[in-house]
N, C-alpha and C. Protein backbone atom coordinates (compact mmCIF):
# COMPACT_ATOMS: atom_id res chain seq x y z
N MET A 1 0.82 -1.20 0.00
CA MET A 1 0.00 0.00 0.00
C MET A 1 0.86 1.27 0.00
N LEU A 2 1.93 1.26 0.83
CA LEU A 2 2.82 2.42 0.91
C LEU A 2 3.48 2.67 -0.44
N LYS A 3 3.91 1.58 -1.13
CA LYS A 3 4.55 1.74 -2.44
C LYS A 3 3.60 2.38 -3.44
N LYS A 4 2.33 1.94 -3.43
CA LYS A 4 1.35 2.52 -4.35
C LYS A 4 1.13 4.00 -4.05
N TRP A 5 1.08 4.39 -2.78
CA TRP A 5 0.88 5.79 -2.40
C TRP A 5 2.06 6.64 -2.87
N VAL A 6 3.29 6.16 -2.65
CA VAL A 6 4.48 6.90 -3.07
C VAL A 6 4.51 7.05 -4.58
N LEU A 7 4.18 5.97 -5.32
CA LEU A 7 4.16 6.03 -6.77
C LEU A 7 3.10 7.02 -7.26
N GLY A 8 1.90 6.99 -6.66
CA GLY A 8 0.85 7.92 -7.05
C GLY A 8 1.23 9.37 -6.78
N ALA A 9 1.81 9.62 -5.61
CA ALA A 9 2.23 10.98 -5.28
C ALA A 9 3.31 11.46 -6.24
N SER A 10 4.24 10.57 -6.60
CA SER A 10 5.29 10.94 -7.55
C SER A 10 4.72 11.28 -8.91
N LEU A 11 3.73 10.51 -9.37
CA LEU A 11 3.13 10.79 -10.67
C LEU A 11 2.37 12.12 -10.65
N LEU A 12 1.70 12.41 -9.54
CA LEU A 12 0.97 13.68 -9.42
C LEU A 12 1.92 14.87 -9.42
N MET A 13 3.08 14.71 -8.76
CA MET A 13 4.03 15.83 -8.69
C MET A 13 4.82 15.99 -9.99
N GLY A 14 4.94 14.94 -10.77
CA GLY A 14 5.54 14.99 -12.10
C GLY A 14 6.87 15.72 -12.14
N THR A 15 6.89 16.84 -12.87
CA THR A 15 8.14 17.56 -13.08
C THR A 15 8.68 18.16 -11.80
N SER A 16 7.85 18.40 -10.80
CA SER A 16 8.36 18.93 -9.55
C SER A 16 9.35 17.98 -8.91
N VAL A 17 9.05 16.68 -8.97
CA VAL A 17 9.98 15.68 -8.43
C VAL A 17 11.27 15.70 -9.23
N ALA A 18 11.15 15.74 -10.56
CA ALA A 18 12.35 15.75 -11.40
C ALA A 18 13.20 16.99 -11.13
N MET A 19 12.55 18.13 -10.98
CA MET A 19 13.30 19.35 -10.71
C MET A 19 14.01 19.28 -9.37
N ALA A 20 13.37 18.69 -8.38
CA ALA A 20 14.01 18.58 -7.07
C ALA A 20 15.23 17.69 -7.14
N ASP A 21 15.17 16.65 -7.98
CA ASP A 21 16.29 15.73 -8.08
C ASP A 21 17.42 16.27 -8.95
N TYR A 22 17.11 17.03 -9.98
CA TYR A 22 18.11 17.35 -10.99
C TYR A 22 18.42 18.83 -11.15
N ALA A 23 17.75 19.72 -10.45
CA ALA A 23 18.03 21.14 -10.62
C ALA A 23 18.10 21.83 -9.26
N THR A 24 19.07 22.71 -9.13
CA THR A 24 19.17 23.53 -7.93
C THR A 24 19.39 24.97 -8.36
N GLY A 25 18.99 25.89 -7.53
CA GLY A 25 19.20 27.29 -7.84
C GLY A 25 19.55 28.05 -6.58
N GLN A 26 20.27 29.14 -6.76
CA GLN A 26 20.59 29.99 -5.62
C GLN A 26 20.97 31.38 -6.12
N ALA A 27 20.83 32.32 -5.24
CA ALA A 27 21.30 33.67 -5.48
C ALA A 27 22.27 34.00 -4.37
N GLY A 28 23.15 34.96 -4.60
CA GLY A 28 24.11 35.28 -3.57
C GLY A 28 24.99 36.45 -3.94
N GLY A 29 26.06 36.59 -3.18
CA GLY A 29 27.00 37.67 -3.40
C GLY A 29 28.42 37.18 -3.27
N SER A 30 29.35 37.98 -3.77
CA SER A 30 30.76 37.61 -3.71
C SER A 30 31.60 38.86 -3.50
N VAL A 31 32.77 38.66 -2.94
CA VAL A 31 33.74 39.73 -2.79
C VAL A 31 35.13 39.12 -2.93
N ASP A 32 35.99 39.78 -3.70
CA ASP A 32 37.39 39.38 -3.73
C ASP A 32 38.28 40.61 -3.68
N LEU A 33 39.40 40.44 -3.00
CA LEU A 33 40.28 41.56 -2.70
C LEU A 33 41.73 41.22 -3.00
N SER A 34 42.47 42.21 -3.47
CA SER A 34 43.93 42.12 -3.56
C SER A 34 44.47 43.35 -2.84
N ASP A 35 45.78 43.59 -2.95
CA ASP A 35 46.35 44.76 -2.28
C ASP A 35 45.76 46.07 -2.78
N THR A 36 45.46 46.14 -4.07
CA THR A 36 45.04 47.43 -4.66
C THR A 36 43.69 47.38 -5.37
N VAL A 37 43.03 46.22 -5.41
CA VAL A 37 41.79 46.08 -6.18
C VAL A 37 40.72 45.37 -5.35
N ALA A 38 39.49 45.85 -5.43
CA ALA A 38 38.35 45.19 -4.80
C ALA A 38 37.28 44.94 -5.86
N HIS A 39 36.64 43.78 -5.77
CA HIS A 39 35.56 43.44 -6.69
C HIS A 39 34.39 42.89 -5.88
N PHE A 40 33.20 43.49 -6.05
CA PHE A 40 31.99 43.05 -5.37
C PHE A 40 30.99 42.59 -6.42
N GLY A 41 30.26 41.52 -6.13
CA GLY A 41 29.32 41.02 -7.12
C GLY A 41 28.08 40.40 -6.50
N VAL A 42 27.05 40.27 -7.31
CA VAL A 42 25.85 39.51 -6.98
C VAL A 42 25.60 38.54 -8.13
N PHE A 43 24.95 37.42 -7.81
CA PHE A 43 24.74 36.42 -8.85
C PHE A 43 23.47 35.63 -8.60
N SER A 44 22.99 35.00 -9.67
CA SER A 44 21.92 34.02 -9.62
C SER A 44 22.40 32.81 -10.41
N LEU A 45 22.28 31.64 -9.81
CA LEU A 45 22.84 30.43 -10.42
C LEU A 45 21.78 29.35 -10.48
N LYS A 46 21.72 28.66 -11.63
CA LYS A 46 20.84 27.51 -11.78
C LYS A 46 21.67 26.36 -12.30
N GLU A 47 21.61 25.23 -11.61
CA GLU A 47 22.40 24.06 -12.00
C GLU A 47 21.49 22.87 -12.22
N THR A 48 21.67 22.19 -13.35
CA THR A 48 20.95 20.95 -13.64
C THR A 48 21.97 19.83 -13.78
N ALA A 49 21.49 18.67 -14.16
CA ALA A 49 22.38 17.52 -14.32
C ALA A 49 23.35 17.72 -15.48
N VAL A 50 23.04 18.61 -16.43
CA VAL A 50 23.90 18.74 -17.61
C VAL A 50 24.54 20.11 -17.78
N ASP A 51 24.02 21.15 -17.12
CA ASP A 51 24.63 22.46 -17.32
C ASP A 51 24.48 23.36 -16.09
N VAL A 52 25.24 24.45 -16.11
CA VAL A 52 25.22 25.46 -15.06
C VAL A 52 25.05 26.82 -15.74
N THR A 53 24.02 27.57 -15.35
CA THR A 53 23.78 28.91 -15.89
C THR A 53 23.94 29.92 -14.75
N ARG A 54 24.76 30.93 -15.00
CA ARG A 54 25.04 31.94 -13.96
C ARG A 54 24.85 33.33 -14.56
N VAL A 55 24.00 34.14 -13.95
CA VAL A 55 23.80 35.54 -14.30
C VAL A 55 24.39 36.36 -13.17
N SER A 56 25.19 37.38 -13.50
CA SER A 56 25.88 38.12 -12.45
C SER A 56 26.03 39.59 -12.81
N ALA A 57 26.32 40.39 -11.79
CA ALA A 57 26.65 41.80 -11.96
C ALA A 57 27.75 42.12 -10.97
N GLY A 58 28.65 43.04 -11.35
CA GLY A 58 29.76 43.32 -10.48
C GLY A 58 30.24 44.75 -10.56
N PHE A 59 31.01 45.13 -9.55
CA PHE A 59 31.62 46.45 -9.47
C PHE A 59 33.07 46.27 -9.02
N LEU A 60 34.00 46.78 -9.82
CA LEU A 60 35.42 46.69 -9.51
C LEU A 60 35.99 48.09 -9.38
N TYR A 61 36.83 48.29 -8.37
CA TYR A 61 37.56 49.55 -8.30
C TYR A 61 38.96 49.27 -7.77
N ASN A 62 39.90 50.15 -8.10
CA ASN A 62 41.27 49.96 -7.67
C ASN A 62 41.79 51.20 -6.96
N GLU A 63 43.02 51.09 -6.45
CA GLU A 63 43.60 52.16 -5.65
C GLU A 63 43.77 53.48 -6.40
N PRO A 64 44.13 53.47 -7.71
CA PRO A 64 44.17 54.76 -8.42
C PRO A 64 42.81 55.41 -8.61
N GLY A 65 41.72 54.66 -8.38
CA GLY A 65 40.38 55.23 -8.53
C GLY A 65 39.66 54.80 -9.79
N ASP A 66 40.23 53.85 -10.55
CA ASP A 66 39.55 53.33 -11.74
C ASP A 66 38.34 52.51 -11.31
N LYS A 67 37.31 52.47 -12.17
CA LYS A 67 36.09 51.73 -11.85
C LYS A 67 35.60 50.95 -13.06
N MET A 68 34.92 49.83 -12.78
CA MET A 68 34.30 49.05 -13.84
C MET A 68 33.00 48.45 -13.32
N LEU A 69 31.92 48.63 -14.09
CA LEU A 69 30.63 48.01 -13.82
C LEU A 69 30.38 46.97 -14.91
N ASP A 70 29.81 45.82 -14.53
CA ASP A 70 29.56 44.79 -15.55
C ASP A 70 28.32 43.98 -15.21
N ALA A 71 27.74 43.38 -16.24
CA ALA A 71 26.65 42.41 -16.11
C ALA A 71 26.95 41.29 -17.08
N ALA A 72 26.83 40.04 -16.62
CA ALA A 72 27.29 38.91 -17.43
C ALA A 72 26.33 37.73 -17.35
N ILE A 73 26.38 36.89 -18.38
CA ILE A 73 25.71 35.60 -18.37
C ILE A 73 26.71 34.55 -18.84
N GLN A 74 26.71 33.43 -18.13
CA GLN A 74 27.66 32.35 -18.41
C GLN A 74 26.90 31.02 -18.41
N VAL A 75 27.16 30.18 -19.40
CA VAL A 75 26.55 28.86 -19.47
C VAL A 75 27.66 27.84 -19.65
N ASN A 76 27.77 26.92 -18.69
CA ASN A 76 28.76 25.84 -18.75
C ASN A 76 28.06 24.51 -18.95
N ARG A 77 28.63 23.68 -19.79
CA ARG A 77 28.11 22.34 -20.04
C ARG A 77 28.95 21.34 -19.26
N LYS A 78 28.30 20.42 -18.56
CA LYS A 78 29.01 19.42 -17.77
C LYS A 78 29.31 18.18 -18.60
N GLY A 79 30.35 17.47 -18.21
CA GLY A 79 30.63 16.15 -18.76
C GLY A 79 31.11 16.13 -20.19
N LEU A 80 31.65 17.24 -20.68
CA LEU A 80 32.20 17.22 -22.04
C LEU A 80 33.45 16.37 -22.08
N THR A 81 33.77 15.83 -23.21
CA THR A 81 34.89 14.90 -23.41
C THR A 81 34.77 13.68 -22.50
N ASP A 82 33.52 13.30 -22.18
CA ASP A 82 33.24 12.12 -21.36
C ASP A 82 33.89 12.16 -19.99
N ASN A 83 34.12 13.36 -19.47
CA ASN A 83 34.68 13.52 -18.13
C ASN A 83 33.67 14.30 -17.29
N GLU A 84 33.04 13.63 -16.32
CA GLU A 84 31.99 14.26 -15.51
C GLU A 84 32.51 15.42 -14.66
N ASN A 85 33.81 15.47 -14.42
CA ASN A 85 34.38 16.54 -13.59
C ASN A 85 34.72 17.80 -14.38
N LEU A 86 34.58 17.76 -15.68
CA LEU A 86 35.02 18.86 -16.54
C LEU A 86 33.83 19.63 -17.09
N GLU A 87 33.89 20.97 -16.95
CA GLU A 87 32.86 21.86 -17.50
C GLU A 87 33.52 22.83 -18.48
N PHE A 88 32.87 23.05 -19.62
CA PHE A 88 33.28 24.09 -20.56
C PHE A 88 32.08 24.95 -20.86
N GLY A 89 32.33 26.23 -21.14
CA GLY A 89 31.20 27.09 -21.44
C GLY A 89 31.58 28.36 -22.15
N VAL A 90 30.56 29.20 -22.33
CA VAL A 90 30.73 30.51 -22.96
C VAL A 90 30.21 31.58 -22.01
N LYS A 91 30.73 32.80 -22.18
CA LYS A 91 30.34 33.90 -21.31
C LYS A 91 30.26 35.17 -22.12
N ALA A 92 29.26 35.99 -21.85
CA ALA A 92 29.12 37.32 -22.44
C ALA A 92 29.02 38.32 -21.30
N LYS A 93 29.76 39.42 -21.41
CA LYS A 93 29.79 40.43 -20.35
C LYS A 93 29.67 41.82 -20.95
N ALA A 94 28.63 42.56 -20.56
CA ALA A 94 28.51 43.97 -20.91
C ALA A 94 29.20 44.78 -19.82
N PHE A 95 29.94 45.83 -20.21
CA PHE A 95 30.74 46.54 -19.22
C PHE A 95 30.79 48.04 -19.51
N TYR A 96 31.10 48.78 -18.46
CA TYR A 96 31.47 50.19 -18.55
C TYR A 96 32.67 50.38 -17.63
N LEU A 97 33.74 51.03 -18.13
CA LEU A 97 34.90 51.28 -17.29
C LEU A 97 35.35 52.72 -17.43
N ASN A 98 36.02 53.20 -16.38
CA ASN A 98 36.52 54.56 -16.34
C ASN A 98 37.92 54.57 -15.74
N GLN A 99 38.87 55.15 -16.47
CA GLN A 99 40.23 55.33 -15.97
C GLN A 99 40.28 56.69 -15.27
N HIS A 100 40.49 56.68 -13.98
CA HIS A 100 40.33 57.87 -13.16
C HIS A 100 41.30 58.99 -13.52
N THR A 101 42.58 58.67 -13.71
CA THR A 101 43.59 59.73 -13.85
C THR A 101 43.42 60.54 -15.13
N THR A 102 43.00 59.92 -16.22
CA THR A 102 42.84 60.63 -17.49
C THR A 102 41.37 60.81 -17.89
N ASN A 103 40.47 60.19 -17.12
CA ASN A 103 39.04 60.19 -17.41
C ASN A 103 38.71 59.51 -18.74
N ASN A 104 39.61 58.65 -19.23
CA ASN A 104 39.27 57.81 -20.37
C ASN A 104 38.21 56.80 -19.93
N ASP A 105 37.22 56.58 -20.78
CA ASP A 105 36.21 55.59 -20.44
C ASP A 105 35.92 54.72 -21.65
N GLY A 106 35.20 53.65 -21.41
CA GLY A 106 34.84 52.74 -22.49
C GLY A 106 33.70 51.85 -22.06
N PHE A 107 33.02 51.32 -23.05
CA PHE A 107 31.91 50.41 -22.79
C PHE A 107 31.84 49.43 -23.95
N GLY A 108 31.18 48.31 -23.73
CA GLY A 108 31.07 47.35 -24.81
C GLY A 108 30.65 45.97 -24.33
N LEU A 109 31.00 44.98 -25.12
CA LEU A 109 30.61 43.60 -24.87
C LEU A 109 31.82 42.70 -25.00
N MET A 110 32.15 42.01 -23.92
CA MET A 110 33.21 41.01 -23.95
C MET A 110 32.60 39.63 -24.16
N LEU A 111 33.24 38.83 -24.98
CA LEU A 111 32.83 37.45 -25.21
C LEU A 111 34.01 36.55 -24.94
N GLY A 112 33.74 35.34 -24.46
CA GLY A 112 34.85 34.44 -24.20
C GLY A 112 34.41 33.06 -23.77
N VAL A 113 35.38 32.30 -23.27
CA VAL A 113 35.16 30.91 -22.88
C VAL A 113 35.58 30.73 -21.42
N THR A 114 34.97 29.74 -20.79
CA THR A 114 35.28 29.41 -19.40
C THR A 114 35.46 27.90 -19.28
N GLY A 115 36.15 27.50 -18.24
CA GLY A 115 36.33 26.08 -17.96
C GLY A 115 36.52 25.84 -16.47
N ARG A 116 36.03 24.71 -16.00
CA ARG A 116 36.21 24.34 -14.59
C ARG A 116 36.46 22.85 -14.52
N TYR A 117 37.42 22.46 -13.68
CA TYR A 117 37.68 21.04 -13.44
C TYR A 117 37.54 20.77 -11.95
N TRP A 118 36.61 19.88 -11.60
CA TRP A 118 36.39 19.49 -10.21
C TRP A 118 37.38 18.39 -9.84
N MET A 119 38.16 18.65 -8.81
CA MET A 119 39.16 17.69 -8.35
C MET A 119 38.48 16.53 -7.62
N PRO A 120 39.05 15.33 -7.73
CA PRO A 120 38.51 14.19 -6.98
C PRO A 120 38.99 14.20 -5.53
N THR A 121 38.53 15.21 -4.77
CA THR A 121 38.95 15.38 -3.39
C THR A 121 37.76 15.20 -2.45
N GLU A 122 38.06 14.97 -1.16
CA GLU A 122 37.00 14.76 -0.18
C GLU A 122 36.14 16.01 -0.02
N MET A 123 36.78 17.18 0.10
CA MET A 123 36.05 18.45 0.12
C MET A 123 36.00 18.99 -1.30
N PRO A 124 34.81 19.33 -1.84
CA PRO A 124 34.74 19.77 -3.24
C PRO A 124 35.68 20.94 -3.53
N SER A 125 36.52 20.75 -4.52
CA SER A 125 37.47 21.80 -4.94
C SER A 125 37.59 21.76 -6.45
N ALA A 126 37.96 22.91 -7.03
CA ALA A 126 38.01 23.00 -8.48
C ALA A 126 39.07 24.01 -8.91
N VAL A 127 39.46 23.90 -10.18
CA VAL A 127 40.29 24.90 -10.83
C VAL A 127 39.43 25.53 -11.91
N PHE A 128 39.37 26.87 -11.92
CA PHE A 128 38.51 27.60 -12.85
C PHE A 128 39.35 28.57 -13.66
N ALA A 129 39.02 28.74 -14.94
CA ALA A 129 39.71 29.72 -15.79
C ALA A 129 38.73 30.29 -16.79
N GLU A 130 38.96 31.57 -17.16
CA GLU A 130 38.17 32.19 -18.21
C GLU A 130 39.02 33.23 -18.93
N ILE A 131 38.70 33.43 -20.19
CA ILE A 131 39.32 34.51 -20.96
C ILE A 131 38.22 35.20 -21.76
N LEU A 132 38.15 36.53 -21.64
CA LEU A 132 37.14 37.33 -22.32
C LEU A 132 37.83 38.45 -23.08
N HIS A 133 37.25 38.82 -24.22
CA HIS A 133 37.84 39.89 -25.02
C HIS A 133 36.73 40.70 -25.68
N ALA A 134 36.90 42.02 -25.68
CA ALA A 134 36.01 42.93 -26.39
C ALA A 134 36.81 43.59 -27.50
N PRO A 135 36.64 43.15 -28.75
CA PRO A 135 37.37 43.79 -29.85
C PRO A 135 36.80 45.17 -30.16
N GLN A 136 37.49 45.90 -30.98
CA GLN A 136 37.11 47.29 -31.29
C GLN A 136 35.71 47.40 -31.87
N ILE A 137 35.28 46.40 -32.62
CA ILE A 137 33.98 46.47 -33.30
C ILE A 137 32.81 46.52 -32.32
N VAL A 138 32.97 45.99 -31.09
CA VAL A 138 31.89 46.01 -30.10
C VAL A 138 32.28 46.83 -28.86
N THR A 139 33.21 47.78 -29.03
CA THR A 139 33.68 48.62 -27.94
C THR A 139 33.48 50.08 -28.31
N GLY A 140 32.98 50.86 -27.34
CA GLY A 140 32.74 52.27 -27.60
C GLY A 140 33.47 53.16 -26.60
N GLY A 141 33.19 54.45 -26.67
CA GLY A 141 33.90 55.40 -25.83
C GLY A 141 35.33 55.58 -26.34
N LYS A 142 36.26 55.82 -25.44
CA LYS A 142 37.65 55.97 -25.84
C LYS A 142 38.42 54.66 -25.84
N ALA A 143 37.77 53.57 -25.43
CA ALA A 143 38.43 52.27 -25.40
C ALA A 143 38.42 51.64 -26.79
N ASP A 144 39.58 51.12 -27.19
CA ASP A 144 39.67 50.38 -28.46
C ASP A 144 39.35 48.90 -28.27
N ASP A 145 39.87 48.31 -27.22
CA ASP A 145 39.58 46.91 -26.89
C ASP A 145 39.89 46.67 -25.42
N VAL A 146 39.29 45.61 -24.88
CA VAL A 146 39.45 45.26 -23.46
C VAL A 146 39.61 43.74 -23.37
N THR A 147 40.52 43.30 -22.51
CA THR A 147 40.76 41.88 -22.30
C THR A 147 40.75 41.57 -20.81
N GLU A 148 40.11 40.46 -20.45
CA GLU A 148 40.10 40.01 -19.06
C GLU A 148 40.43 38.53 -19.02
N MET A 149 41.36 38.16 -18.14
CA MET A 149 41.73 36.76 -17.93
C MET A 149 41.70 36.47 -16.45
N LEU A 150 41.21 35.28 -16.10
CA LEU A 150 41.07 34.91 -14.70
C LEU A 150 41.38 33.43 -14.55
N VAL A 151 42.17 33.10 -13.53
CA VAL A 151 42.41 31.70 -13.16
C VAL A 151 42.41 31.63 -11.65
N ARG A 152 41.75 30.61 -11.09
CA ARG A 152 41.72 30.51 -9.64
C ARG A 152 41.42 29.09 -9.17
N ALA A 153 41.80 28.82 -7.93
CA ALA A 153 41.48 27.57 -7.25
C ALA A 153 40.31 27.84 -6.30
N GLU A 154 39.32 26.95 -6.32
CA GLU A 154 38.11 27.13 -5.53
C GLU A 154 37.93 25.98 -4.54
N LEU A 155 37.37 26.29 -3.38
CA LEU A 155 37.11 25.28 -2.36
C LEU A 155 35.73 25.52 -1.78
N ARG A 156 34.87 24.50 -1.85
CA ARG A 156 33.50 24.61 -1.30
C ARG A 156 33.56 24.23 0.18
N ILE A 157 33.57 25.24 1.05
CA ILE A 157 33.74 24.98 2.47
C ILE A 157 32.40 24.68 3.17
N LEU A 158 31.29 25.13 2.60
CA LEU A 158 29.94 24.79 3.03
C LEU A 158 29.10 24.61 1.76
N PRO A 159 27.92 24.00 1.84
CA PRO A 159 27.14 23.76 0.62
C PRO A 159 26.93 24.99 -0.26
N LYS A 160 26.81 26.18 0.32
CA LYS A 160 26.60 27.39 -0.48
C LYS A 160 27.68 28.44 -0.27
N VAL A 161 28.82 28.02 0.23
CA VAL A 161 29.93 28.96 0.48
C VAL A 161 31.20 28.44 -0.19
N ASN A 162 31.71 29.22 -1.13
CA ASN A 162 32.96 28.89 -1.82
C ASN A 162 34.03 29.92 -1.48
N ALA A 163 35.22 29.44 -1.17
CA ALA A 163 36.37 30.32 -0.99
C ALA A 163 37.30 30.10 -2.17
N TYR A 164 38.05 31.14 -2.57
CA TYR A 164 38.93 30.97 -3.71
C TYR A 164 40.14 31.90 -3.63
N ILE A 165 41.17 31.51 -4.35
CA ILE A 165 42.36 32.33 -4.51
C ILE A 165 42.73 32.27 -5.98
N GLY A 166 43.09 33.41 -6.56
CA GLY A 166 43.38 33.39 -7.99
C GLY A 166 44.10 34.64 -8.46
N TYR A 167 44.21 34.73 -9.78
CA TYR A 167 44.88 35.86 -10.43
C TYR A 167 43.96 36.41 -11.50
N ARG A 168 43.79 37.74 -11.53
CA ARG A 168 42.99 38.39 -12.56
C ARG A 168 43.84 39.41 -13.31
N TYR A 169 43.71 39.39 -14.64
CA TYR A 169 44.30 40.43 -15.48
C TYR A 169 43.15 41.14 -16.20
N LEU A 170 43.14 42.46 -16.12
CA LEU A 170 42.14 43.26 -16.82
C LEU A 170 42.84 44.45 -17.44
N GLY A 171 42.91 44.46 -18.77
CA GLY A 171 43.63 45.52 -19.47
C GLY A 171 42.81 46.13 -20.57
N ALA A 172 43.01 47.44 -20.80
CA ALA A 172 42.28 48.16 -21.84
C ALA A 172 43.24 48.99 -22.67
N ASN A 173 42.98 49.04 -23.97
CA ASN A 173 43.70 49.93 -24.87
C ASN A 173 42.79 51.10 -25.21
N PHE A 174 43.31 52.32 -25.02
CA PHE A 174 42.54 53.53 -25.28
C PHE A 174 43.06 54.25 -26.51
N SER A 175 42.18 54.94 -27.21
CA SER A 175 42.55 55.71 -28.40
C SER A 175 43.61 56.76 -28.05
N GLY A 176 44.66 56.82 -28.87
CA GLY A 176 45.71 57.80 -28.68
C GLY A 176 46.73 57.45 -27.61
N VAL A 177 46.59 56.27 -26.98
CA VAL A 177 47.54 55.83 -25.96
C VAL A 177 48.26 54.60 -26.49
N SER A 178 49.60 54.62 -26.47
CA SER A 178 50.36 53.56 -27.12
C SER A 178 50.47 52.27 -26.29
N SER A 179 50.26 52.34 -24.98
CA SER A 179 50.43 51.14 -24.15
C SER A 179 49.10 50.70 -23.55
N THR A 180 49.02 49.43 -23.18
CA THR A 180 47.82 48.88 -22.55
C THR A 180 47.75 49.33 -21.10
N TYR A 181 46.60 49.82 -20.70
CA TYR A 181 46.41 50.24 -19.31
C TYR A 181 45.83 49.07 -18.52
N GLU A 182 46.46 48.72 -17.40
CA GLU A 182 46.02 47.61 -16.57
C GLU A 182 45.18 48.11 -15.40
N LEU A 183 43.90 47.75 -15.39
CA LEU A 183 43.05 48.05 -14.25
C LEU A 183 43.30 47.05 -13.13
N ASP A 184 43.71 45.84 -13.49
CA ASP A 184 43.99 44.81 -12.50
C ASP A 184 45.03 43.85 -13.07
N SER A 185 45.99 43.49 -12.25
CA SER A 185 46.96 42.45 -12.57
C SER A 185 47.51 41.94 -11.24
N ASN A 186 46.64 41.28 -10.49
CA ASN A 186 46.94 40.94 -9.10
C ASN A 186 46.43 39.56 -8.71
N VAL A 187 47.08 39.00 -7.70
CA VAL A 187 46.55 37.82 -7.01
C VAL A 187 45.49 38.31 -6.04
N HIS A 188 44.37 37.61 -5.98
CA HIS A 188 43.28 38.01 -5.09
C HIS A 188 42.78 36.81 -4.31
N ILE A 189 42.12 37.09 -3.19
CA ILE A 189 41.41 36.06 -2.43
C ILE A 189 39.96 36.50 -2.31
N GLY A 190 39.06 35.52 -2.20
CA GLY A 190 37.66 35.91 -2.16
C GLY A 190 36.76 34.82 -1.62
N VAL A 191 35.49 35.18 -1.51
CA VAL A 191 34.47 34.24 -1.05
C VAL A 191 33.16 34.57 -1.75
N SER A 192 32.39 33.54 -2.09
CA SER A 192 31.03 33.74 -2.59
C SER A 192 30.07 32.97 -1.69
N VAL A 193 28.95 33.62 -1.36
CA VAL A 193 27.98 33.06 -0.43
C VAL A 193 26.62 33.04 -1.10
N GLY A 194 26.00 31.87 -1.17
CA GLY A 194 24.67 31.73 -1.73
C GLY A 194 23.61 31.77 -0.64
N PHE A 195 22.39 32.14 -1.04
CA PHE A 195 21.27 32.22 -0.07
C PHE A 195 20.11 31.39 -0.55
């Protein structure tokens, strides 16, 4: 009798049962700091058995007074190359940045790729990397192009709390300036907390 009741309840709940088993979602915030740069963010994340979708917004500022605002969407696919621990994906980021000392600014759209490898460890840990680029054709203001690269090690210390340490490079080329201006080129530590 109990088996019939459980089966009937499962059929009535249909996709709700499947969603509970195969999809999770959370929203939260993150902060990472280096000696001269701070980055604050908020995010919404949805994870299923086959992919991870993350929508985020962030604010970066550094000691000289440069600032960057961004909004991004990232989709990673799990289990590519027949390895369940490996994720690959794509990311798009809309941004606005301002170089404080010269008041050069720029805006546009960065596109790129991301990857994460989950280590076979007792406490969930991963290595994450991404590279994003905004070429001149999708960049406005005084910026000609913008490049961002990030690599970091992540550790899930609680179910919704990740700590990480990594390196970020963020550089922009401005019209009439011969060298690349670096908004960030530092090792940082950080934490993200989901709710």
